[in-house]
Amino acid sequence: MNRVYVCSCFGITEQQVREHADQGRCTPRQIASACKAGTDCGSCVRRIQALLGRGACPRRELADRGVPEALAAEVTARAA
């Protein structure tokens, strides 16, 4: 298995970032809260942003369309 590290400071891989995103963490800040990636030197934040990309989080897509955050959270919770 070829591991591609995103965050060298904390040893976080692309796969781990994707798993956190699949669990509903849609922003680099939410990823950082989950695994500390991006909280030390910060050099991985842009890579995390790229991995999250557009469409990684349904809640963000709803918010982009003007749906209030609380309603977007409720909609995505029901869909899960």
Protein backbone atom coordinates (compact mmCIF):
# COMPACT_ATOMS: atom_id res chain seq x y z
CA MET A 1 0.00 0.00 0.00
CA ASN A 2 1.40 3.37 -1.03
CA ARG A 3 0.73 6.00 1.62
CA VAL A 4 0.75 9.60 0.50
CA TYR A 5 1.32 11.90 3.44
CA VAL A 6 -0.48 15.21 3.51
CA CYS A 7 0.74 16.39 6.91
CA SER A 8 4.30 15.43 7.79
CA CYS A 9 4.07 17.07 11.20
CA PHE A 10 1.39 14.64 12.41
CA GLY A 11 1.76 11.80 9.88
CA ILE A 12 -1.69 12.29 8.33
CA THR A 13 -2.31 10.61 4.98
CA GLU A 14 -4.59 11.49 2.07
CA GLN A 15 -6.74 8.50 2.99
CA GLN A 16 -7.22 9.78 6.54
CA VAL A 17 -8.25 13.22 5.26
CA ARG A 18 -10.74 11.58 2.88
CA GLU A 19 -12.15 9.45 5.73
CA HIS A 20 -12.68 12.57 7.85
CA ALA A 21 -14.36 14.28 4.88
CA ASP A 22 -16.63 11.25 4.42
CA GLN A 23 -17.66 11.70 8.06
CA GLY A 24 -18.84 15.23 7.29
CA ARG A 25 -15.79 17.34 7.99
CA CYS A 26 -15.91 19.78 5.09
CA THR A 27 -13.28 22.41 5.81
CA PRO A 28 -9.57 22.43 6.63
CA ARG A 29 -10.49 23.73 10.10
CA GLN A 30 -12.80 20.74 10.69
CA ILE A 31 -10.08 18.37 9.45
CA ALA A 32 -7.63 20.07 11.84
CA SER A 33 -10.02 19.58 14.74
CA ALA A 34 -10.30 15.90 13.90
CA CYS A 35 -6.63 15.00 13.41
CA LYS A 36 -4.46 18.13 13.92
CA ALA A 37 -3.41 18.25 10.25
CA GLY A 38 -2.62 21.85 9.35
CA THR A 39 -2.18 23.05 12.92
CA ASP A 40 1.62 23.04 13.18
CA CYS A 41 3.65 24.45 10.26
CA GLY A 42 0.58 24.93 8.02
CA SER A 43 2.27 23.79 4.82
CA CYS A 44 -0.38 21.11 4.24
CA VAL A 45 -3.45 23.36 4.39
CA ARG A 46 -3.58 23.94 0.62
CA ARG A 47 -3.25 20.21 -0.02
CA ILE A 48 -6.11 19.55 2.41
CA GLN A 49 -8.19 22.17 0.58
CA ALA A 50 -7.43 20.44 -2.72
CA LEU A 51 -8.42 17.04 -1.32
CA LEU A 52 -11.70 18.40 0.01
CA GLY A 53 -12.45 20.07 -3.32
CA ARG A 54 -15.92 21.05 -4.41
CA GLY A 55 -18.58 18.49 -3.76
CA ALA A 56 -16.76 16.78 -0.89
CA CYS A 57 -19.47 17.86 1.52
CA PRO A 58 -23.19 18.06 0.71
CA ARG A 59 -23.70 20.59 3.51
CA ARG A 60 -21.29 23.01 1.81
CA GLU A 61 -23.08 22.55 -1.51
CA LEU A 62 -26.39 23.42 0.15
CA ALA A 63 -24.86 26.46 1.83
CA ASP A 64 -23.45 27.60 -1.51
CA ARG A 65 -27.00 27.55 -2.86
CA GLY A 66 -28.20 29.82 -0.04
CA VAL A 67 -29.66 27.20 2.30
CA PRO A 68 -29.14 28.34 5.93
CA GLU A 69 -26.44 26.36 7.79
CA ALA A 70 -28.83 24.90 10.38
CA LEU A 71 -31.18 23.61 7.68
CA ALA A 72 -28.25 22.28 5.64
CA ALA A 73 -27.02 20.34 8.70
CA GLU A 74 -30.50 18.88 9.20
CA VAL A 75 -30.80 17.86 5.54
CA THR A 76 -27.41 16.14 5.47
CA ALA A 77 -28.10 14.39 8.78
CA ARG A 78 -31.33 12.96 7.36
CA ALA A 79 -29.54 11.82 4.22
CA ALA A 80 -26.91 9.89 6.18
